[in-house]
Amino acid sequence: PLAEDVRPIRPGMEGGRYTPLAANDLERIHEAVLTLLETVGF
């Protein structure tokens, strides 16, 4: 049996290596979101 901290996989492992959006894309999406919430609303 293996201790939890040396198992090859376990819950809560860190991801984040795949990023389909560039940093500028994230900012543009955020700005579009704020515009819609101010002008269109729910």
PDB file of all heavy atoms in Angstrom:
ATOM      1  N   PRO A   1       0.839  -1.218   0.000  1.00  0.00           N
ATOM      2  CA  PRO A   1       0.000   0.000   0.000  1.00  0.00           C
ATOM      3  C   PRO A   1       0.858   1.246   0.000  1.00  0.00           C
ATOM      4  O   PRO A   1       1.931   1.280   0.598  1.00  0.00           O
ATOM      5  CB  PRO A   1      -0.805  -0.138   1.282  1.00  0.00           C
ATOM      6  CG  PRO A   1       0.007  -1.029   2.165  1.00  0.00           C
ATOM      7  CD  PRO A   1       0.726  -1.978   1.253  1.00  0.00           C
ATOM      8  N   LEU A   2       0.360   2.270  -0.672  1.00  0.00           N
ATOM      9  CA  LEU A   2       1.087   3.525  -0.780  1.00  0.00           C
ATOM     10  C   LEU A   2       0.446   4.596   0.083  1.00  0.00           C
ATOM     11  O   LEU A   2      -0.784   4.685   0.163  1.00  0.00           O
ATOM     12  CB  LEU A   2       1.107   4.002  -2.232  1.00  0.00           C
ATOM     13  CG  LEU A   2       1.970   3.222  -3.220  1.00  0.00           C
ATOM     14  CD1 LEU A   2       1.762   3.781  -4.609  1.00  0.00           C
ATOM     15  CD2 LEU A   2       3.429   3.299  -2.839  1.00  0.00           C
ATOM     16  N   ALA A   3       1.284   5.405   0.689  1.00  0.00           N
ATOM     17  CA  ALA A   3       0.778   6.578   1.389  1.00  0.00           C
ATOM     18  C   ALA A   3       0.176   7.542   0.379  1.00  0.00           C
ATOM     19  O   ALA A   3       0.592   7.599  -0.783  1.00  0.00           O
ATOM     20  CB  ALA A   3       1.910   7.250   2.165  1.00  0.00           C
ATOM     21  N   GLU A   4      -0.823   8.313   0.828  1.00  0.00           N
ATOM     22  CA  GLU A   4      -1.534   9.219  -0.077  1.00  0.00           C
ATOM     23  C   GLU A   4      -0.598  10.180  -0.798  1.00  0.00           C
ATOM     24  O   GLU A   4      -0.773  10.464  -1.984  1.00  0.00           O
ATOM     25  CB  GLU A   4      -2.576  10.008   0.724  1.00  0.00           C
ATOM     26  CG  GLU A   4      -3.418  10.962  -0.097  1.00  0.00           C
ATOM     27  CD  GLU A   4      -4.394  10.273  -1.018  1.00  0.00           C
ATOM     28  OE1 GLU A   4      -4.717   9.078  -0.793  1.00  0.00           O
ATOM     29  OE2 GLU A   4      -4.840  10.918  -1.982  1.00  0.00           O
ATOM     30  N   ASP A   5       0.431  10.669  -0.096  1.00  0.00           N
ATOM     31  CA  ASP A   5       1.271  11.708  -0.679  1.00  0.00           C
ATOM     32  C   ASP A   5       2.302  11.189  -1.673  1.00  0.00           C
ATOM     33  O   ASP A   5       3.021  11.978  -2.282  1.00  0.00           O
ATOM     34  CB  ASP A   5       1.974  12.521   0.410  1.00  0.00           C
ATOM     35  CG  ASP A   5       2.884  11.661   1.284  1.00  0.00           C
ATOM     36  OD1 ASP A   5       2.786  10.413   1.210  1.00  0.00           O
ATOM     37  OD2 ASP A   5       3.682  12.234   2.038  1.00  0.00           O
ATOM     38  N   VAL A   6       2.408   9.864  -1.860  1.00  0.00           N
ATOM     39  CA  VAL A   6       3.344   9.335  -2.858  1.00  0.00           C
ATOM     40  C   VAL A   6       2.641   8.556  -3.959  1.00  0.00           C
ATOM     41  O   VAL A   6       3.296   8.013  -4.847  1.00  0.00           O
ATOM     42  CB  VAL A   6       4.424   8.442  -2.202  1.00  0.00           C
ATOM     43  CG1 VAL A   6       5.285   9.252  -1.265  1.00  0.00           C
ATOM     44  CG2 VAL A   6       3.811   7.241  -1.492  1.00  0.00           C
ATOM     45  N   ARG A   7       1.310   8.488  -3.910  1.00  0.00           N
ATOM     46  CA  ARG A   7       0.586   7.824  -4.996  1.00  0.00           C
ATOM     47  C   ARG A   7       0.832   8.568  -6.302  1.00  0.00           C
ATOM     48  O   ARG A   7       0.969   9.803  -6.305  1.00  0.00           O
ATOM     49  CB  ARG A   7      -0.914   7.794  -4.697  1.00  0.00           C
ATOM     50  CG  ARG A   7      -1.301   6.859  -3.572  1.00  0.00           C
ATOM     51  CD  ARG A   7      -2.790   6.959  -3.284  1.00  0.00           C
ATOM     52  NE  ARG A   7      -3.581   6.724  -4.481  1.00  0.00           N
ATOM     53  CZ  ARG A   7      -4.852   7.067  -4.625  1.00  0.00           C
ATOM     54  NH1 ARG A   7      -5.480   7.689  -3.633  1.00  0.00           N
ATOM     55  NH2 ARG A   7      -5.503   6.809  -5.730  1.00  0.00           N
ATOM     56  N   PRO A   8       0.854   7.853  -7.425  1.00  0.00           N
ATOM     57  CA  PRO A   8       1.102   8.544  -8.695  1.00  0.00           C
ATOM     58  C   PRO A   8       0.012   9.536  -9.060  1.00  0.00           C
ATOM     59  O   PRO A   8       0.274  10.536  -9.721  1.00  0.00           O
ATOM     60  CB  PRO A   8       1.181   7.399  -9.711  1.00  0.00           C
ATOM     61  CG  PRO A   8       0.460   6.255  -9.076  1.00  0.00           C
ATOM     62  CD  PRO A   8       0.705   6.395  -7.606  1.00  0.00           C
ATOM     63  N   ILE A   9      -1.224   9.282  -8.637  1.00  0.00           N
ATOM     64  CA  ILE A   9      -2.327  10.225  -8.854  1.00  0.00           C
ATOM     65  C   ILE A   9      -3.172  10.270  -7.595  1.00  0.00           C
ATOM     66  O   ILE A   9      -3.228   9.315  -6.826  1.00  0.00           O
ATOM     67  CB  ILE A   9      -3.201   9.838 -10.062  1.00  0.00           C
ATOM     68  CG1 ILE A   9      -3.783   8.437  -9.878  1.00  0.00           C
ATOM     69  CG2 ILE A   9      -2.407   9.950 -11.362  1.00  0.00           C
ATOM     70  CD1 ILE A   9      -4.785   8.044 -10.927  1.00  0.00           C
ATOM     71  N   ARG A  10      -3.856  11.393  -7.394  1.00  0.00           N
ATOM     72  CA  ARG A  10      -4.707  11.561  -6.219  1.00  0.00           C
ATOM     73  C   ARG A  10      -5.616  12.776  -6.450  1.00  0.00           C
ATOM     74  O   ARG A  10      -5.360  13.578  -7.341  1.00  0.00           O
ATOM     75  CB  ARG A  10      -3.864  11.744  -4.961  1.00  0.00           C
ATOM     76  CG  ARG A  10      -2.814  12.824  -5.042  1.00  0.00           C
ATOM     77  CD  ARG A  10      -1.844  12.766  -3.863  1.00  0.00           C
ATOM     78  NE  ARG A  10      -0.783  13.754  -3.981  1.00  0.00           N
ATOM     79  CZ  ARG A  10       0.346  13.565  -4.654  1.00  0.00           C
ATOM     80  NH1 ARG A  10       0.562  12.420  -5.283  1.00  0.00           N
ATOM     81  NH2 ARG A  10       1.272  14.505  -4.704  1.00  0.00           N
ATOM     82  N   PRO A  11      -6.660  12.918  -5.643  1.00  0.00           N
ATOM     83  CA  PRO A  11      -7.538  14.078  -5.802  1.00  0.00           C
ATOM     84  C   PRO A  11      -6.784  15.383  -5.578  1.00  0.00           C
ATOM     85  O   PRO A  11      -5.862  15.465  -4.758  1.00  0.00           O
ATOM     86  CB  PRO A  11      -8.587  13.866  -4.701  1.00  0.00           C
ATOM     87  CG  PRO A  11      -8.543  12.416  -4.383  1.00  0.00           C
ATOM     88  CD  PRO A  11      -7.128  11.992  -4.593  1.00  0.00           C
ATOM     89  N   GLY A  12      -7.185  16.396  -6.327  1.00  0.00           N
ATOM     90  CA  GLY A  12      -6.650  17.734  -6.094  1.00  0.00           C
ATOM     91  C   GLY A  12      -5.282  17.990  -6.682  1.00  0.00           C
ATOM     92  O   GLY A  12      -4.598  18.926  -6.259  1.00  0.00           O
ATOM     93  N   MET A  13      -4.869  17.206  -7.687  1.00  0.00           N
ATOM     94  CA  MET A  13      -3.592  17.480  -8.336  1.00  0.00           C
ATOM     95  C   MET A  13      -3.682  18.786  -9.125  1.00  0.00           C
ATOM     96  O   MET A  13      -4.748  19.165  -9.602  1.00  0.00           O
ATOM     97  CB  MET A  13      -3.213  16.321  -9.256  1.00  0.00           C
ATOM     98  CG  MET A  13      -3.120  14.996  -8.513  1.00  0.00           C
ATOM     99  SD  MET A  13      -2.503  13.654  -9.537  1.00  0.00           S
ATOM    100  CE  MET A  13      -0.784  14.083  -9.575  1.00  0.00           C
ATOM    101  N   GLU A  14      -2.565  19.474  -9.260  1.00  0.00           N
ATOM    102  CA  GLU A  14      -2.540  20.788  -9.908  1.00  0.00           C
ATOM    103  C   GLU A  14      -2.500  20.656 -11.426  1.00  0.00           C
ATOM    104  O   GLU A  14      -1.610  20.016 -11.986  1.00  0.00           O
ATOM    105  CB  GLU A  14      -1.313  21.577  -9.444  1.00  0.00           C
ATOM    106  CG  GLU A  14      -1.389  22.026  -7.990  1.00  0.00           C
ATOM    107  CD  GLU A  14      -2.125  23.343  -7.819  1.00  0.00           C
ATOM    108  OE1 GLU A  14      -2.379  24.011  -8.841  1.00  0.00           O
ATOM    109  OE2 GLU A  14      -2.429  23.699  -6.667  1.00  0.00           O
ATOM    110  N   GLY A  15      -3.478  21.287 -12.095  1.00  0.00           N
ATOM    111  CA  GLY A  15      -3.467  21.384 -13.546  1.00  0.00           C
ATOM    112  C   GLY A  15      -3.084  22.788 -13.978  1.00  0.00           C
ATOM    113  O   GLY A  15      -2.391  23.508 -13.269  1.00  0.00           O
ATOM    114  N   GLY A  16      -3.558  23.186 -15.144  1.00  0.00           N
ATOM    115  CA  GLY A  16      -3.348  24.548 -15.615  1.00  0.00           C
ATOM    116  C   GLY A  16      -2.335  24.698 -16.727  1.00  0.00           C
ATOM    117  O   GLY A  16      -2.031  25.822 -17.143  1.00  0.00           O
ATOM    118  N   ARG A  17      -1.823  23.570 -17.248  1.00  0.00           N
ATOM    119  CA  ARG A  17      -0.824  23.670 -18.309  1.00  0.00           C
ATOM    120  C   ARG A  17      -1.435  23.966 -19.673  1.00  0.00           C
ATOM    121  O   ARG A  17      -0.752  24.444 -20.568  1.00  0.00           O
ATOM    122  CB  ARG A  17      -0.015  22.375 -18.382  1.00  0.00           C
ATOM    123  CG  ARG A  17       0.855  22.118 -17.157  1.00  0.00           C
ATOM    124  CD  ARG A  17       1.526  20.738 -17.199  1.00  0.00           C
ATOM    125  NE  ARG A  17       2.393  20.548 -16.048  1.00  0.00           N
ATOM    126  CZ  ARG A  17       1.975  20.134 -14.863  1.00  0.00           C
ATOM    127  NH1 ARG A  17       0.683  19.899 -14.678  1.00  0.00           N
ATOM    128  NH2 ARG A  17       2.815  19.969 -13.865  1.00  0.00           N
ATOM    129  N   TYR A  18      -2.726  23.665 -19.819  1.00  0.00           N
ATOM    130  CA  TYR A  18      -3.387  23.906 -21.104  1.00  0.00           C
ATOM    131  C   TYR A  18      -4.190  25.196 -21.014  1.00  0.00           C
ATOM    132  O   TYR A  18      -5.065  25.344 -20.153  1.00  0.00           O
ATOM    133  CB  TYR A  18      -4.309  22.744 -21.460  1.00  0.00           C
ATOM    134  CG  TYR A  18      -5.108  22.987 -22.721  1.00  0.00           C
ATOM    135  CD1 TYR A  18      -4.467  23.207 -23.940  1.00  0.00           C
ATOM    136  CD2 TYR A  18      -6.491  22.998 -22.690  1.00  0.00           C
ATOM    137  CE1 TYR A  18      -5.197  23.441 -25.086  1.00  0.00           C
ATOM    138  CE2 TYR A  18      -7.233  23.230 -23.841  1.00  0.00           C
ATOM    139  CZ  TYR A  18      -6.575  23.455 -25.038  1.00  0.00           C
ATOM    140  OH  TYR A  18      -7.301  23.695 -26.179  1.00  0.00           O
ATOM    141  N   THR A  19      -3.900  26.141 -21.895  1.00  0.00           N
ATOM    142  CA  THR A  19      -4.561  27.459 -21.858  1.00  0.00           C
ATOM    143  C   THR A  19      -4.940  27.877 -23.276  1.00  0.00           C
ATOM    144  O   THR A  19      -4.136  28.490 -23.982  1.00  0.00           O
ATOM    145  CB  THR A  19      -3.621  28.518 -21.233  1.00  0.00           C
ATOM    146  OG1 THR A  19      -2.361  28.488 -21.927  1.00  0.00           O
ATOM    147  CG2 THR A  19      -3.382  28.228 -19.769  1.00  0.00           C
ATOM    148  N   PRO A  20      -6.153  27.567 -23.724  1.00  0.00           N
ATOM    149  CA  PRO A  20      -6.553  27.934 -25.085  1.00  0.00           C
ATOM    150  C   PRO A  20      -6.713  29.435 -25.292  1.00  0.00           C
ATOM    151  O   PRO A  20      -6.697  29.897 -26.436  1.00  0.00           O
ATOM    152  CB  PRO A  20      -7.886  27.202 -25.280  1.00  0.00           C
ATOM    153  CG  PRO A  20      -8.409  27.008 -23.905  1.00  0.00           C
ATOM    154  CD  PRO A  20      -7.206  26.804 -23.044  1.00  0.00           C
ATOM    155  N   LEU A  21      -6.883  30.194 -24.213  1.00  0.00           N
ATOM    156  CA  LEU A  21      -7.046  31.640 -24.324  1.00  0.00           C
ATOM    157  C   LEU A  21      -5.765  32.358 -23.909  1.00  0.00           C
ATOM    158  O   LEU A  21      -5.150  32.019 -22.896  1.00  0.00           O
ATOM    159  CB  LEU A  21      -8.191  32.114 -23.425  1.00  0.00           C
ATOM    160  CG  LEU A  21      -9.591  31.571 -23.747  1.00  0.00           C
ATOM    161  CD1 LEU A  21     -10.573  31.973 -22.653  1.00  0.00           C
ATOM    162  CD2 LEU A  21     -10.071  32.050 -25.103  1.00  0.00           C
ATOM    163  N   ALA A  22      -5.359  33.338 -24.698  1.00  0.00           N
ATOM    164  CA  ALA A  22      -4.217  34.183 -24.342  1.00  0.00           C
ATOM    165  C   ALA A  22      -4.639  35.192 -23.275  1.00  0.00           C
ATOM    166  O   ALA A  22      -5.829  35.437 -23.056  1.00  0.00           O
ATOM    167  CB  ALA A  22      -3.688  34.911 -25.576  1.00  0.00           C
ATOM    168  N   ALA A  23      -3.650  35.794 -22.611  1.00  0.00           N
ATOM    169  CA  ALA A  23      -3.949  36.762 -21.548  1.00  0.00           C
ATOM    170  C   ALA A  23      -4.830  37.894 -22.057  1.00  0.00           C
ATOM    171  O   ALA A  23      -5.772  38.333 -21.378  1.00  0.00           O
ATOM    172  CB  ALA A  23      -2.645  37.309 -20.967  1.00  0.00           C
ATOM    173  N   ASN A  24      -4.553  38.390 -23.255  1.00  0.00           N
ATOM    174  CA  ASN A  24      -5.365  39.466 -23.823  1.00  0.00           C
ATOM    175  C   ASN A  24      -6.786  39.006 -24.099  1.00  0.00           C
ATOM    176  O   ASN A  24      -7.735  39.791 -23.976  1.00  0.00           O
ATOM    177  CB  ASN A  24      -4.717  39.968 -25.119  1.00  0.00           C
ATOM    178  CG  ASN A  24      -5.454  41.164 -25.690  1.00  0.00           C
ATOM    179  OD1 ASN A  24      -5.639  42.161 -25.007  1.00  0.00           O
ATOM    180  ND2 ASN A  24      -5.865  41.063 -26.957  1.00  0.00           N
ATOM    181  N   ASP A  25      -6.950  37.708 -24.452  1.00  0.00           N
ATOM    182  CA  ASP A  25      -8.297  37.161 -24.672  1.00  0.00           C
ATOM    183  C   ASP A  25      -9.115  37.210 -23.384  1.00  0.00           C
ATOM    184  O   ASP A  25     -10.314  37.533 -23.406  1.00  0.00           O
ATOM    185  CB  ASP A  25      -8.203  35.715 -25.158  1.00  0.00           C
ATOM    186  CG  ASP A  25      -7.504  35.568 -26.495  1.00  0.00           C
ATOM    187  OD1 ASP A  25      -7.536  36.527 -27.287  1.00  0.00           O
ATOM    188  OD2 ASP A  25      -6.927  34.497 -26.734  1.00  0.00           O
ATOM    189  N   LEU A  26      -8.495  36.871 -22.295  1.00  0.00           N
ATOM    190  CA  LEU A  26      -9.188  36.884 -21.010  1.00  0.00           C
ATOM    191  C   LEU A  26      -9.680  38.285 -20.660  1.00  0.00           C
ATOM    192  O   LEU A  26     -10.822  38.465 -20.206  1.00  0.00           O
ATOM    193  CB  LEU A  26      -8.261  36.371 -19.912  1.00  0.00           C
ATOM    194  CG  LEU A  26      -7.732  34.938 -20.064  1.00  0.00           C
ATOM    195  CD1 LEU A  26      -6.660  34.656 -19.015  1.00  0.00           C
ATOM    196  CD2 LEU A  26      -8.862  33.926 -19.948  1.00  0.00           C
ATOM    197  N   GLU A  27      -8.830  39.272 -20.884  1.00  0.00           N
ATOM    198  CA  GLU A  27      -9.213  40.666 -20.610  1.00  0.00           C
ATOM    199  C   GLU A  27     -10.366  41.108 -21.506  1.00  0.00           C
ATOM    200  O   GLU A  27     -11.290  41.795 -21.060  1.00  0.00           O
ATOM    201  CB  GLU A  27      -8.007  41.580 -20.815  1.00  0.00           C
ATOM    202  CG  GLU A  27      -6.884  41.379 -19.814  1.00  0.00           C
ATOM    203  CD  GLU A  27      -7.193  41.968 -18.448  1.00  0.00           C
ATOM    204  OE1 GLU A  27      -8.255  42.611 -18.293  1.00  0.00           O
ATOM    205  OE2 GLU A  27      -6.371  41.781 -17.526  1.00  0.00           O
ATOM    206  N   ARG A  28     -10.335  40.703 -22.760  1.00  0.00           N
ATOM    207  CA  ARG A  28     -11.402  41.107 -23.687  1.00  0.00           C
ATOM    208  C   ARG A  28     -12.727  40.447 -23.321  1.00  0.00           C
ATOM    209  O   ARG A  28     -13.792  41.071 -23.413  1.00  0.00           O
ATOM    210  CB  ARG A  28     -11.003  40.760 -25.118  1.00  0.00           C
ATOM    211  CG  ARG A  28      -9.796  41.553 -25.629  1.00  0.00           C
ATOM    212  CD  ARG A  28      -9.442  41.147 -27.051  1.00  0.00           C
ATOM    213  NE  ARG A  28     -10.488  41.567 -27.988  1.00  0.00           N
ATOM    214  CZ  ARG A  28     -10.613  41.097 -29.237  1.00  0.00           C
ATOM    215  NH1 ARG A  28      -9.763  40.188 -29.676  1.00  0.00           N
ATOM    216  NH2 ARG A  28     -11.569  41.547 -30.017  1.00  0.00           N
ATOM    217  N   ILE A  29     -12.677  39.185 -22.914  1.00  0.00           N
ATOM    218  CA  ILE A  29     -13.899  38.514 -22.469  1.00  0.00           C
ATOM    219  C   ILE A  29     -14.452  39.216 -21.232  1.00  0.00           C
ATOM    220  O   ILE A  29     -15.659  39.480 -21.125  1.00  0.00           O
ATOM    221  CB  ILE A  29     -13.619  37.022 -22.198  1.00  0.00           C
ATOM    222  CG1 ILE A  29     -13.395  36.275 -23.519  1.00  0.00           C
ATOM    223  CG2 ILE A  29     -14.760  36.377 -21.407  1.00  0.00           C
ATOM    224  CD1 ILE A  29     -12.914  34.850 -23.357  1.00  0.00           C
ATOM    225  N   HIS A  30     -13.584  39.534 -20.292  1.00  0.00           N
ATOM    226  CA  HIS A  30     -14.014  40.215 -19.066  1.00  0.00           C
ATOM    227  C   HIS A  30     -14.681  41.553 -19.386  1.00  0.00           C
ATOM    228  O   HIS A  30     -15.743  41.885 -18.840  1.00  0.00           O
ATOM    229  CB  HIS A  30     -12.798  40.431 -18.160  1.00  0.00           C
ATOM    230  CG  HIS A  30     -13.086  41.233 -16.937  1.00  0.00           C
ATOM    231  ND1 HIS A  30     -14.040  40.880 -16.005  1.00  0.00           N
ATOM    232  CD2 HIS A  30     -12.528  42.405 -16.487  1.00  0.00           C
ATOM    233  CE1 HIS A  30     -14.067  41.779 -15.045  1.00  0.00           C
ATOM    234  NE2 HIS A  30     -13.168  42.718 -15.301  1.00  0.00           N
ATOM    235  N   GLU A  31     -14.090  42.315 -20.291  1.00  0.00           N
ATOM    236  CA  GLU A  31     -14.664  43.606 -20.660  1.00  0.00           C
ATOM    237  C   GLU A  31     -16.016  43.439 -21.336  1.00  0.00           C
ATOM    238  O   GLU A  31     -16.961  44.199 -21.072  1.00  0.00           O
ATOM    239  CB  GLU A  31     -13.702  44.359 -21.577  1.00  0.00           C
ATOM    240  CG  GLU A  31     -14.160  45.761 -21.957  1.00  0.00           C
ATOM    241  CD  GLU A  31     -14.334  46.690 -20.771  1.00  0.00           C
ATOM    242  OE1 GLU A  31     -13.608  46.507 -19.755  1.00  0.00           O
ATOM    243  OE2 GLU A  31     -15.193  47.594 -20.839  1.00  0.00           O
ATOM    244  N   ALA A  32     -16.147  42.430 -22.193  1.00  0.00           N
ATOM    245  CA  ALA A  32     -17.432  42.164 -22.841  1.00  0.00           C
ATOM    246  C   ALA A  32     -18.493  41.787 -21.813  1.00  0.00           C
ATOM    247  O   ALA A  32     -19.662  42.207 -21.904  1.00  0.00           O
ATOM    248  CB  ALA A  32     -17.273  41.052 -23.874  1.00  0.00           C
ATOM    249  N   VAL A  33     -18.092  41.014 -20.814  1.00  0.00           N
ATOM    250  CA  VAL A  33     -19.019  40.605 -19.759  1.00  0.00           C
ATOM    251  C   VAL A  33     -19.522  41.826 -18.989  1.00  0.00           C
ATOM    252  O   VAL A  33     -20.731  41.987 -18.763  1.00  0.00           O
ATOM    253  CB  VAL A  33     -18.322  39.609 -18.806  1.00  0.00           C
ATOM    254  CG1 VAL A  33     -19.118  39.438 -17.519  1.00  0.00           C
ATOM    255  CG2 VAL A  33     -18.130  38.259 -19.489  1.00  0.00           C
ATOM    256  N   LEU A  34     -18.620  42.691 -18.571  1.00  0.00           N
ATOM    257  CA  LEU A  34     -19.023  43.877 -17.813  1.00  0.00           C
ATOM    258  C   LEU A  34     -19.951  44.773 -18.633  1.00  0.00           C
ATOM    259  O   LEU A  34     -20.923  45.340 -18.105  1.00  0.00           O
ATOM    260  CB  LEU A  34     -17.789  44.663 -17.378  1.00  0.00           C
ATOM    261  CG  LEU A  34     -16.872  43.968 -16.362  1.00  0.00           C
ATOM    262  CD1 LEU A  34     -15.677  44.858 -16.037  1.00  0.00           C
ATOM    263  CD2 LEU A  34     -17.620  43.603 -15.092  1.00  0.00           C
ATOM    264  N   THR A  35     -19.674  44.885 -19.917  1.00  0.00           N
ATOM    265  CA  THR A  35     -20.531  45.690 -20.788  1.00  0.00           C
ATOM    266  C   THR A  35     -21.942  45.123 -20.840  1.00  0.00           C
ATOM    267  O   THR A  35     -22.940  45.866 -20.720  1.00  0.00           O
ATOM    268  CB  THR A  35     -19.930  45.758 -22.200  1.00  0.00           C
ATOM    269  OG1 THR A  35     -18.647  46.397 -22.135  1.00  0.00           O
ATOM    270  CG2 THR A  35     -20.844  46.529 -23.144  1.00  0.00           C
ATOM    271  N   LEU A  36     -22.063  43.800 -21.004  1.00  0.00           N
ATOM    272  CA  LEU A  36     -23.384  43.178 -21.076  1.00  0.00           C
ATOM    273  C   LEU A  36     -24.145  43.326 -19.762  1.00  0.00           C
ATOM    274  O   LEU A  36     -25.358  43.586 -19.761  1.00  0.00           O
ATOM    275  CB  LEU A  36     -23.238  41.695 -21.423  1.00  0.00           C
ATOM    276  CG  LEU A  36     -22.869  41.370 -22.867  1.00  0.00           C
ATOM    277  CD1 LEU A  36     -22.609  39.873 -23.020  1.00  0.00           C
ATOM    278  CD2 LEU A  36     -24.005  41.790 -23.810  1.00  0.00           C
ATOM    279  N   LEU A  37     -23.474  43.175 -18.643  1.00  0.00           N
ATOM    280  CA  LEU A  37     -24.163  43.259 -17.361  1.00  0.00           C
ATOM    281  C   LEU A  37     -24.644  44.675 -17.070  1.00  0.00           C
ATOM    282  O   LEU A  37     -25.682  44.870 -16.437  1.00  0.00           O
ATOM    283  CB  LEU A  37     -23.249  42.758 -16.242  1.00  0.00           C
ATOM    284  CG  LEU A  37     -22.893  41.265 -16.310  1.00  0.00           C
ATOM    285  CD1 LEU A  37     -22.016  40.859 -15.140  1.00  0.00           C
ATOM    286  CD2 LEU A  37     -24.156  40.407 -16.348  1.00  0.00           C
ATOM    287  N   GLU A  38     -23.902  45.677 -17.549  1.00  0.00           N
ATOM    288  CA  GLU A  38     -24.321  47.072 -17.357  1.00  0.00           C
ATOM    289  C   GLU A  38     -25.429  47.485 -18.308  1.00  0.00           C
ATOM    290  O   GLU A  38     -26.302  48.288 -17.944  1.00  0.00           O
ATOM    291  CB  GLU A  38     -23.118  47.997 -17.570  1.00  0.00           C
ATOM    292  CG  GLU A  38     -22.202  48.122 -16.369  1.00  0.00           C
ATOM    293  CD  GLU A  38     -21.239  49.289 -16.518  1.00  0.00           C
ATOM    294  OE1 GLU A  38     -20.686  49.479 -17.621  1.00  0.00           O
ATOM    295  OE2 GLU A  38     -21.042  50.016 -15.523  1.00  0.00           O
ATOM    296  N   THR A  39     -25.397  46.957 -19.533  1.00  0.00           N
ATOM    297  CA  THR A  39     -26.297  47.478 -20.559  1.00  0.00           C
ATOM    298  C   THR A  39     -27.490  46.586 -20.860  1.00  0.00           C
ATOM    299  O   THR A  39     -28.569  47.080 -21.200  1.00  0.00           O
ATOM    300  CB  THR A  39     -25.517  47.709 -21.867  1.00  0.00           C
ATOM    301  OG1 THR A  39     -24.966  46.465 -22.320  1.00  0.00           O
ATOM    302  CG2 THR A  39     -24.401  48.715 -21.657  1.00  0.00           C
ATOM    303  N   VAL A  40     -27.329  45.272 -20.772  1.00  0.00           N
ATOM    304  CA  VAL A  40     -28.409  44.329 -21.098  1.00  0.00           C
ATOM    305  C   VAL A  40     -29.084  43.828 -19.837  1.00  0.00           C
ATOM    306  O   VAL A  40     -30.305  43.874 -19.694  1.00  0.00           O
ATOM    307  CB  VAL A  40     -27.883  43.146 -21.950  1.00  0.00           C
ATOM    308  CG1 VAL A  40     -29.006  42.139 -22.218  1.00  0.00           C
ATOM    309  CG2 VAL A  40     -27.293  43.649 -23.256  1.00  0.00           C
ATOM    310  N   GLY A  41     -28.293  43.351 -18.907  1.00  0.00           N
ATOM    311  CA  GLY A  41     -28.842  42.898 -17.635  1.00  0.00           C
ATOM    312  C   GLY A  41     -29.691  41.643 -17.758  1.00  0.00           C
ATOM    313  O   GLY A  41     -29.652  40.934 -18.768  1.00  0.00           O
ATOM    314  N   PHE A  42     -30.499  41.391 -16.717  1.00  0.00           N
ATOM    315  CA  PHE A  42     -31.261  40.148 -16.589  1.00  0.00           C
ATOM    316  C   PHE A  42     -32.748  40.422 -16.451  1.00  0.00           C
ATOM    317  O   PHE A  42     -33.163  41.356 -15.767  1.00  0.00           O
ATOM    318  CB  PHE A  42     -30.794  39.391 -15.337  1.00  0.00           C
ATOM    319  CG  PHE A  42     -29.707  38.404 -15.599  1.00  0.00           C
ATOM    320  CD1 PHE A  42     -28.494  38.802 -16.137  1.00  0.00           C
ATOM    321  CD2 PHE A  42     -29.886  37.062 -15.315  1.00  0.00           C
ATOM    322  CE1 PHE A  42     -27.492  37.903 -16.374  1.00  0.00           C
ATOM    323  CE2 PHE A  42     -28.887  36.142 -15.549  1.00  0.00           C
ATOM    324  CZ  PHE A  42     -27.685  36.553 -16.079  1.00  0.00           C
TER     325      PHE A  42
END
